[in-house]
Amino acid sequence: TVKAVFGMTFIDNFVTTPFIYFPWFYAWTGFVKGQSWDESMHELRSKFKESFVACCAMWVPGQLINFWLVPRQLRILFIYGIEFAWAIA
């Protein structure tokens, strides 16, 4: 249903991404770069808005298409395609 599609997209992009994905991403990349926890979290705070806008520009349409139009058995493959585009963008 349309309600389910928008609900899954909302949870993925406005709950999981800012509260789980971004903190883990910046903590891990900070660790790899030899940054302290505080330095990593400072980088998260300073880059959050730019990162979140870019993420939403790519992933909100991608997830809407994925949950609405892509057959369940092909969703992981579709997401990998978006992930590849995200990684090279």
PDB file of N, CA and C in Angstrom:
ATOM      1  N   THR A   1       0.841  -1.191   0.000  1.00  0.00           N
ATOM      2  CA  THR A   1       0.000   0.000   0.000  1.00  0.00           C
ATOM      3  C   THR A   1       0.879   1.246   0.000  1.00  0.00           C
ATOM      4  N   VAL A   2       0.305   2.349  -0.392  1.00  0.00           N
ATOM      5  CA  VAL A   2       1.028   3.618  -0.432  1.00  0.00           C
ATOM      6  C   VAL A   2       1.480   4.016   0.972  1.00  0.00           C
ATOM      7  N   LYS A   3       0.631   3.786   1.951  1.00  0.00           N
ATOM      8  CA  LYS A   3       0.974   4.119   3.338  1.00  0.00           C
ATOM      9  C   LYS A   3       2.199   3.330   3.803  1.00  0.00           C
ATOM     10  N   ALA A   4       2.265   2.068   3.465  1.00  0.00           N
ATOM     11  CA  ALA A   4       3.407   1.232   3.846  1.00  0.00           C
ATOM     12  C   ALA A   4       4.676   1.694   3.143  1.00  0.00           C
ATOM     13  N   VAL A   5       4.574   2.042   1.865  1.00  0.00           N
ATOM     14  CA  VAL A   5       5.733   2.509   1.098  1.00  0.00           C
ATOM     15  C   VAL A   5       6.307   3.771   1.734  1.00  0.00           C
ATOM     16  N   PHE A   6       5.445   4.739   2.026  1.00  0.00           N
ATOM     17  CA  PHE A   6       5.916   5.978   2.637  1.00  0.00           C
ATOM     18  C   PHE A   6       6.414   5.747   4.058  1.00  0.00           C
ATOM     19  N   GLY A   7       5.791   4.838   4.777  1.00  0.00           N
ATOM     20  CA  GLY A   7       6.237   4.515   6.129  1.00  0.00           C
ATOM     21  C   GLY A   7       7.622   3.893   6.143  1.00  0.00           C
ATOM     22  N   MET A   8       7.871   2.920   5.262  1.00  0.00           N
ATOM     23  CA  MET A   8       9.187   2.280   5.199  1.00  0.00           C
ATOM     24  C   MET A   8      10.256   3.276   4.748  1.00  0.00           C
ATOM     25  N   THR A   9       9.904   4.119   3.786  1.00  0.00           N
ATOM     26  CA  THR A   9      10.850   5.126   3.305  1.00  0.00           C
ATOM     27  C   THR A   9      11.166   6.130   4.406  1.00  0.00           C
ATOM     28  N   PHE A  10      10.149   6.546   5.145  1.00  0.00           N
ATOM     29  CA  PHE A  10      10.359   7.491   6.250  1.00  0.00           C
ATOM     30  C   PHE A  10      11.276   6.895   7.313  1.00  0.00           C
ATOM     31  N   ILE A  11      11.003   5.685   7.737  1.00  0.00           N
ATOM     32  CA  ILE A  11      11.820   5.036   8.778  1.00  0.00           C
ATOM     33  C   ILE A  11      13.260   4.908   8.304  1.00  0.00           C
ATOM     34  N   ASP A  12      13.447   4.463   7.084  1.00  0.00           N
ATOM     35  CA  ASP A  12      14.798   4.258   6.572  1.00  0.00           C
ATOM     36  C   ASP A  12      15.576   5.561   6.484  1.00  0.00           C
ATOM     37  N   ASN A  13      14.948   6.620   5.978  1.00  0.00           N
ATOM     38  CA  ASN A  13      15.672   7.859   5.700  1.00  0.00           C
ATOM     39  C   ASN A  13      15.667   8.875   6.827  1.00  0.00           C
ATOM     40  N   PHE A  14      14.661   8.857   7.679  1.00  0.00           N
ATOM     41  CA  PHE A  14      14.562   9.890   8.697  1.00  0.00           C
ATOM     42  C   PHE A  14      14.715   9.376  10.125  1.00  0.00           C
ATOM     43  N   VAL A  15      14.866   8.066  10.277  1.00  0.00           N
ATOM     44  CA  VAL A  15      15.142   7.486  11.597  1.00  0.00           C
ATOM     45  C   VAL A  15      16.476   6.738  11.546  1.00  0.00           C
ATOM     46  N   THR A  16      16.557   5.725  10.697  1.00  0.00           N
ATOM     47  CA  THR A  16      17.757   4.897  10.633  1.00  0.00           C
ATOM     48  C   THR A  16      18.982   5.688  10.178  1.00  0.00           C
ATOM     49  N   THR A  17      18.849   6.467   9.123  1.00  0.00           N
ATOM     50  CA  THR A  17      20.007   7.184   8.580  1.00  0.00           C
ATOM     51  C   THR A  17      20.600   8.185   9.569  1.00  0.00           C
ATOM     52  N   PRO A  18      19.823   9.128  10.119  1.00  0.00           N
ATOM     53  CA  PRO A  18      20.467  10.115  10.994  1.00  0.00           C
ATOM     54  C   PRO A  18      20.884   9.569  12.358  1.00  0.00           C
ATOM     55  N   PHE A  19      20.187   8.567  12.867  1.00  0.00           N
ATOM     56  CA  PHE A  19      20.456   8.118  14.233  1.00  0.00           C
ATOM     57  C   PHE A  19      21.299   6.846  14.333  1.00  0.00           C
ATOM     58  N   ILE A  20      21.432   6.106  13.220  1.00  0.00           N
ATOM     59  CA  ILE A  20      22.243   4.886  13.254  1.00  0.00           C
ATOM     60  C   ILE A  20      23.350   4.956  12.198  1.00  0.00           C
ATOM     61  N   TYR A  21      22.970   5.147  10.944  1.00  0.00           N
ATOM     62  CA  TYR A  21      23.957   5.106   9.864  1.00  0.00           C
ATOM     63  C   TYR A  21      25.025   6.190  10.014  1.00  0.00           C
ATOM     64  N   PHE A  22      24.626   7.460  10.131  1.00  0.00           N
ATOM     65  CA  PHE A  22      25.612   8.537  10.199  1.00  0.00           C
ATOM     66  C   PHE A  22      26.539   8.423  11.405  1.00  0.00           C
ATOM     67  N   PRO A  23      26.035   8.208  12.615  1.00  0.00           N
ATOM     68  CA  PRO A  23      26.980   8.065  13.738  1.00  0.00           C
ATOM     69  C   PRO A  23      27.982   6.924  13.542  1.00  0.00           C
ATOM     70  N   TRP A  24      27.503   5.778  13.075  1.00  0.00           N
ATOM     71  CA  TRP A  24      28.421   4.660  12.839  1.00  0.00           C
ATOM     72  C   TRP A  24      29.399   4.983  11.730  1.00  0.00           C
ATOM     73  N   PHE A  25      28.941   5.592  10.656  1.00  0.00           N
ATOM     74  CA  PHE A  25      29.817   5.939   9.543  1.00  0.00           C
ATOM     75  C   PHE A  25      30.929   6.873   9.998  1.00  0.00           C
ATOM     76  N   TYR A  26      30.567   7.953  10.684  1.00  0.00           N
ATOM     77  CA  TYR A  26      31.585   8.920  11.107  1.00  0.00           C
ATOM     78  C   TYR A  26      32.474   8.365  12.220  1.00  0.00           C
ATOM     79  N   ALA A  27      31.951   7.539  13.089  1.00  0.00           N
ATOM     80  CA  ALA A  27      32.781   6.909  14.119  1.00  0.00           C
ATOM     81  C   ALA A  27      33.792   5.970  13.467  1.00  0.00           C
ATOM     82  N   TRP A  28      33.347   5.152  12.538  1.00  0.00           N
ATOM     83  CA  TRP A  28      34.230   4.186  11.895  1.00  0.00           C
ATOM     84  C   TRP A  28      35.280   4.878  11.035  1.00  0.00           C
ATOM     85  N   THR A  29      34.860   5.838  10.200  1.00  0.00           N
ATOM     86  CA  THR A  29      35.845   6.521   9.361  1.00  0.00           C
ATOM     87  C   THR A  29      36.799   7.346  10.221  1.00  0.00           C
ATOM     88  N   GLY A  30      36.313   7.898  11.328  1.00  0.00           N
ATOM     89  CA  GLY A  30      37.204   8.604  12.252  1.00  0.00           C
ATOM     90  C   GLY A  30      38.233   7.668  12.855  1.00  0.00           C
ATOM     91  N   PHE A  31      37.792   6.475  13.232  1.00  0.00           N
ATOM     92  CA  PHE A  31      38.703   5.468  13.789  1.00  0.00           C
ATOM     93  C   PHE A  31      39.790   5.114  12.770  1.00  0.00           C
ATOM     94  N   VAL A  32      39.380   4.893  11.524  1.00  0.00           N
ATOM     95  CA  VAL A  32      40.331   4.539  10.471  1.00  0.00           C
ATOM     96  C   VAL A  32      41.330   5.683  10.239  1.00  0.00           C
ATOM     97  N   LYS A  33      40.856   6.934  10.362  1.00  0.00           N
ATOM     98  CA  LYS A  33      41.732   8.088  10.171  1.00  0.00           C
ATOM     99  C   LYS A  33      42.546   8.432  11.422  1.00  0.00           C
ATOM    100  N   GLY A  34      42.342   7.680  12.501  1.00  0.00           N
ATOM    101  CA  GLY A  34      43.084   7.932  13.732  1.00  0.00           C
ATOM    102  C   GLY A  34      42.526   9.064  14.573  1.00  0.00           C
ATOM    103  N   GLN A  35      41.270   9.416  14.354  1.00  0.00           N
ATOM    104  CA  GLN A  35      40.636  10.481  15.126  1.00  0.00           C
ATOM    105  C   GLN A  35      40.110   9.938  16.446  1.00  0.00           C
ATOM    106  N   SER A  36      40.012  10.832  17.417  1.00  0.00           N
ATOM    107  CA  SER A  36      39.370  10.469  18.680  1.00  0.00           C
ATOM    108  C   SER A  36      37.858  10.448  18.470  1.00  0.00           C
ATOM    109  N   TRP A  37      37.140   9.918  19.465  1.00  0.00           N
ATOM    110  CA  TRP A  37      35.675   9.912  19.412  1.00  0.00           C
ATOM    111  C   TRP A  37      35.142  11.329  19.277  1.00  0.00           C
ATOM    112  N   ASP A  38      35.692  12.253  20.065  1.00  0.00           N
ATOM    113  CA  ASP A  38      35.230  13.640  20.027  1.00  0.00           C
ATOM    114  C   ASP A  38      35.475  14.277  18.655  1.00  0.00           C
ATOM    115  N   GLU A  39      36.617  13.982  18.053  1.00  0.00           N
ATOM    116  CA  GLU A  39      36.905  14.514  16.715  1.00  0.00           C
ATOM    117  C   GLU A  39      35.928  13.944  15.684  1.00  0.00           C
ATOM    118  N   SER A  40      35.642  12.668  15.799  1.00  0.00           N
ATOM    119  CA  SER A  40      34.694  12.041  14.873  1.00  0.00           C
ATOM    120  C   SER A  40      33.301  12.643  15.013  1.00  0.00           C
ATOM    121  N   MET A  41      32.871  12.851  16.238  1.00  0.00           N
ATOM    122  CA  MET A  41      31.538  13.425  16.458  1.00  0.00           C
ATOM    123  C   MET A  41      31.484  14.895  16.051  1.00  0.00           C
ATOM    124  N   HIS A  42      32.600  15.598  16.194  1.00  0.00           N
ATOM    125  CA  HIS A  42      32.665  16.980  15.702  1.00  0.00           C
ATOM    126  C   HIS A  42      32.504  17.004  14.175  1.00  0.00           C
ATOM    127  N   GLU A  43      33.173  16.058  13.496  1.00  0.00           N
ATOM    128  CA  GLU A  43      33.043  15.969  12.048  1.00  0.00           C
ATOM    129  C   GLU A  43      31.605  15.634  11.650  1.00  0.00           C
ATOM    130  N   LEU A  44      30.970  14.729  12.390  1.00  0.00           N
ATOM    131  CA  LEU A  44      29.559  14.410  12.142  1.00  0.00           C
ATOM    132  C   LEU A  44      28.702  15.659  12.255  1.00  0.00           C
ATOM    133  N   ARG A  45      28.874  16.402  13.343  1.00  0.00           N
ATOM    134  CA  ARG A  45      28.061  17.609  13.536  1.00  0.00           C
ATOM    135  C   ARG A  45      28.321  18.655  12.457  1.00  0.00           C
ATOM    136  N   SER A  46      29.575  18.802  12.050  1.00  0.00           N
ATOM    137  CA  SER A  46      29.886  19.839  11.066  1.00  0.00           C
ATOM    138  C   SER A  46      29.433  19.459   9.651  1.00  0.00           C
ATOM    139  N   LYS A  47      29.331  18.176   9.357  1.00  0.00           N
ATOM    140  CA  LYS A  47      28.960  17.724   8.012  1.00  0.00           C
ATOM    141  C   LYS A  47      27.554  17.144   7.929  1.00  0.00           C
ATOM    142  N   PHE A  48      26.822  17.155   9.040  1.00  0.00           N
ATOM    143  CA  PHE A  48      25.531  16.473   9.071  1.00  0.00           C
ATOM    144  C   PHE A  48      24.559  17.009   8.025  1.00  0.00           C
ATOM    145  N   LYS A  49      24.363  18.325   7.993  1.00  0.00           N
ATOM    146  CA  LYS A  49      23.353  18.894   7.102  1.00  0.00           C
ATOM    147  C   LYS A  49      23.658  18.560   5.635  1.00  0.00           C
ATOM    148  N   GLU A  50      24.895  18.785   5.221  1.00  0.00           N
ATOM    149  CA  GLU A  50      25.282  18.504   3.836  1.00  0.00           C
ATOM    150  C   GLU A  50      25.124  17.011   3.515  1.00  0.00           C
ATOM    151  N   SER A  51      25.561  16.166   4.437  1.00  0.00           N
ATOM    152  CA  SER A  51      25.460  14.721   4.229  1.00  0.00           C
ATOM    153  C   SER A  51      24.004  14.263   4.172  1.00  0.00           C
ATOM    154  N   PHE A  52      23.178  14.798   5.071  1.00  0.00           N
ATOM    155  CA  PHE A  52      21.780  14.382   5.139  1.00  0.00           C
ATOM    156  C   PHE A  52      21.014  14.803   3.888  1.00  0.00           C
ATOM    157  N   VAL A  53      21.260  16.021   3.411  1.00  0.00           N
ATOM    158  CA  VAL A  53      20.587  16.498   2.197  1.00  0.00           C
ATOM    159  C   VAL A  53      20.983  15.622   0.999  1.00  0.00           C
ATOM    160  N   ALA A  54      22.280  15.342   0.875  1.00  0.00           N
ATOM    161  CA  ALA A  54      22.750  14.494  -0.236  1.00  0.00           C
ATOM    162  C   ALA A  54      22.158  13.093  -0.131  1.00  0.00           C
ATOM    163  N   CYS A  55      22.142  12.573   1.069  1.00  0.00           N
ATOM    164  CA  CYS A  55      21.604  11.232   1.292  1.00  0.00           C
ATOM    165  C   CYS A  55      20.114  11.175   0.919  1.00  0.00           C
ATOM    166  N   CYS A  56      19.368  12.167   1.348  1.00  0.00           N
ATOM    167  CA  CYS A  56      17.933  12.192   1.031  1.00  0.00           C
ATOM    168  C   CYS A  56      17.689  12.355  -0.460  1.00  0.00           C
ATOM    169  N   ALA A  57      18.529  13.151  -1.119  1.00  0.00           N
ATOM    170  CA  ALA A  57      18.363  13.358  -2.566  1.00  0.00           C
ATOM    171  C   ALA A  57      18.523  12.050  -3.337  1.00  0.00           C
ATOM    172  N   MET A  58      19.382  11.177  -2.845  1.00  0.00           N
ATOM    173  CA  MET A  58      19.622   9.898  -3.521  1.00  0.00           C
ATOM    174  C   MET A  58      18.676   8.812  -3.029  1.00  0.00           C
ATOM    175  N   TRP A  59      18.546   8.712  -1.709  1.00  0.00           N
ATOM    176  CA  TRP A  59      17.884   7.550  -1.133  1.00  0.00           C
ATOM    177  C   TRP A  59      16.371   7.652  -1.002  1.00  0.00           C
ATOM    178  N   VAL A  60      15.819   8.844  -0.818  1.00  0.00           N
ATOM    179  CA  VAL A  60      14.352   8.931  -0.725  1.00  0.00           C
ATOM    180  C   VAL A  60      13.712   8.475  -2.035  1.00  0.00           C
ATOM    181  N   PRO A  61      14.117   9.017  -3.197  1.00  0.00           N
ATOM    182  CA  PRO A  61      13.535   8.502  -4.440  1.00  0.00           C
ATOM    183  C   PRO A  61      13.859   7.023  -4.664  1.00  0.00           C
ATOM    184  N   GLY A  62      15.091   6.643  -4.344  1.00  0.00           N
ATOM    185  CA  GLY A  62      15.485   5.241  -4.526  1.00  0.00           C
ATOM    186  C   GLY A  62      14.651   4.284  -3.699  1.00  0.00           C
ATOM    187  N   GLN A  63      14.423   4.639  -2.442  1.00  0.00           N
ATOM    188  CA  GLN A  63      13.621   3.774  -1.577  1.00  0.00           C
ATOM    189  C   GLN A  63      12.148   3.783  -1.975  1.00  0.00           C
ATOM    190  N   LEU A  64      11.633   4.933  -2.396  1.00  0.00           N
ATOM    191  CA  LEU A  64      10.243   4.969  -2.865  1.00  0.00           C
ATOM    192  C   LEU A  64      10.060   4.027  -4.059  1.00  0.00           C
ATOM    193  N   ILE A  65      10.986   4.106  -5.014  1.00  0.00           N
ATOM    194  CA  ILE A  65      10.915   3.206  -6.173  1.00  0.00           C
ATOM    195  C   ILE A  65      11.060   1.760  -5.722  1.00  0.00           C
ATOM    196  N   ASN A  66      12.026   1.517  -4.850  1.00  0.00           N
ATOM    197  CA  ASN A  66      12.288   0.159  -4.381  1.00  0.00           C
ATOM    198  C   ASN A  66      11.060  -0.450  -3.708  1.00  0.00           C
ATOM    199  N   PHE A  67      10.471   0.252  -2.767  1.00  0.00           N
ATOM    200  CA  PHE A  67       9.349  -0.298  -2.013  1.00  0.00           C
ATOM    201  C   PHE A  67       8.048  -0.329  -2.808  1.00  0.00           C
ATOM    202  N   TRP A  68       7.928   0.538  -3.815  1.00  0.00           N
ATOM    203  CA  TRP A  68       6.676   0.641  -4.552  1.00  0.00           C
ATOM    204  C   TRP A  68       6.668  -0.219  -5.826  1.00  0.00           C
ATOM    205  N   LEU A  69       7.763  -0.173  -6.580  1.00  0.00           N
ATOM    206  CA  LEU A  69       7.748  -0.766  -7.916  1.00  0.00           C
ATOM    207  C   LEU A  69       8.578  -2.035  -8.081  1.00  0.00           C
ATOM    208  N   VAL A  70       9.599  -2.191  -7.282  1.00  0.00           N
ATOM    209  CA  VAL A  70      10.511  -3.321  -7.466  1.00  0.00           C
ATOM    210  C   VAL A  70       9.934  -4.563  -6.787  1.00  0.00           C
ATOM    211  N   PRO A  71       9.859  -5.684  -7.499  1.00  0.00           N
ATOM    212  CA  PRO A  71       9.379  -6.916  -6.869  1.00  0.00           C
ATOM    213  C   PRO A  71      10.272  -7.296  -5.680  1.00  0.00           C
ATOM    214  N   ARG A  72       9.660  -7.848  -4.673  1.00  0.00           N
ATOM    215  CA  ARG A  72      10.368  -8.180  -3.428  1.00  0.00           C
ATOM    216  C   ARG A  72      11.663  -8.956  -3.670  1.00  0.00           C
ATOM    217  N   GLN A  73      11.649  -9.913  -4.575  1.00  0.00           N
ATOM    218  CA  GLN A  73      12.827 -10.752  -4.804  1.00  0.00           C
ATOM    219  C   GLN A  73      13.967  -9.995  -5.489  1.00  0.00           C
ATOM    220  N   LEU A  74      13.712  -8.805  -6.025  1.00  0.00           N
ATOM    221  CA  LEU A  74      14.756  -8.021  -6.698  1.00  0.00           C
ATOM    222  C   LEU A  74      15.186  -6.784  -5.912  1.00  0.00           C
ATOM    223  N   ARG A  75      14.626  -6.574  -4.741  1.00  0.00           N
ATOM    224  CA  ARG A  75      14.904  -5.354  -3.988  1.00  0.00           C
ATOM    225  C   ARG A  75      16.355  -5.227  -3.549  1.00  0.00           C
ATOM    226  N   ILE A  76      16.957  -6.296  -3.119  1.00  0.00           N
ATOM    227  CA  ILE A  76      18.358  -6.212  -2.684  1.00  0.00           C
ATOM    228  C   ILE A  76      19.243  -5.857  -3.870  1.00  0.00           C
ATOM    229  N   LEU A  77      19.011  -6.459  -5.011  1.00  0.00           N
ATOM    230  CA  LEU A  77      19.782  -6.140  -6.209  1.00  0.00           C
ATOM    231  C   LEU A  77      19.601  -4.673  -6.593  1.00  0.00           C
ATOM    232  N   PHE A  78      18.384  -4.183  -6.529  1.00  0.00           N
ATOM    233  CA  PHE A  78      18.106  -2.781  -6.850  1.00  0.00           C
ATOM    234  C   PHE A  78      18.842  -1.859  -5.884  1.00  0.00           C
ATOM    235  N   ILE A  79      18.795  -2.167  -4.595  1.00  0.00           N
ATOM    236  CA  ILE A  79      19.470  -1.348  -3.587  1.00  0.00           C
ATOM    237  C   ILE A  79      20.983  -1.365  -3.812  1.00  0.00           C
ATOM    238  N   TYR A  80      21.536  -2.506  -4.189  1.00  0.00           N
ATOM    239  CA  TYR A  80      22.969  -2.561  -4.495  1.00  0.00           C
ATOM    240  C   TYR A  80      23.317  -1.643  -5.661  1.00  0.00           C
ATOM    241  N   GLY A  81      22.439  -1.545  -6.635  1.00  0.00           N
ATOM    242  CA  GLY A  81      22.660  -0.620  -7.740  1.00  0.00           C
ATOM    243  C   GLY A  81      22.689   0.826  -7.277  1.00  0.00           C
ATOM    244  N   ILE A  82      21.760   1.176  -6.394  1.00  0.00           N
ATOM    245  CA  ILE A  82      21.750   2.530  -5.835  1.00  0.00           C
ATOM    246  C   ILE A  82      22.992   2.750  -4.982  1.00  0.00           C
ATOM    247  N   GLU A  83      23.345   1.751  -4.194  1.00  0.00           N
ATOM    248  CA  GLU A  83      24.538   1.847  -3.343  1.00  0.00           C
ATOM    249  C   GLU A  83      25.794   2.075  -4.187  1.00  0.00           C
ATOM    250  N   PHE A  84      25.898   1.385  -5.316  1.00  0.00           N
ATOM    251  CA  PHE A  84      27.043   1.580  -6.199  1.00  0.00           C
ATOM    252  C   PHE A  84      27.079   3.023  -6.712  1.00  0.00           C
ATOM    253  N   ALA A  85      25.935   3.529  -7.148  1.00  0.00           N
ATOM    254  CA  ALA A  85      25.869   4.914  -7.620  1.00  0.00           C
ATOM    255  C   ALA A  85      26.219   5.887  -6.495  1.00  0.00           C
ATOM    256  N   TRP A  86      25.756   5.607  -5.278  1.00  0.00           N
ATOM    257  CA  TRP A  86      26.047   6.458  -4.117  1.00  0.00           C
ATOM    258  C   TRP A  86      27.547   6.464  -3.826  1.00  0.00           C
ATOM    259  N   ALA A  87      28.179   5.311  -3.947  1.00  0.00           N
ATOM    260  CA  ALA A  87      29.609   5.192  -3.634  1.00  0.00           C
ATOM    261  C   ALA A  87      30.488   5.940  -4.641  1.00  0.00           C
ATOM    262  N   ILE A  88      30.068   5.994  -5.896  1.00  0.00           N
ATOM    263  CA  ILE A  88      30.901   6.667  -6.901  1.00  0.00           C
ATOM    264  C   ILE A  88      30.510   8.121  -7.095  1.00  0.00           C
ATOM    265  N   ALA A  89      29.395   8.548  -6.531  1.00  0.00           N
ATOM    266  CA  ALA A  89      28.941   9.941  -6.701  1.00  0.00           C
ATOM    267  C   ALA A  89      29.773  10.901  -5.889  1.00  0.00           C
TER     268      ALA A  89
END
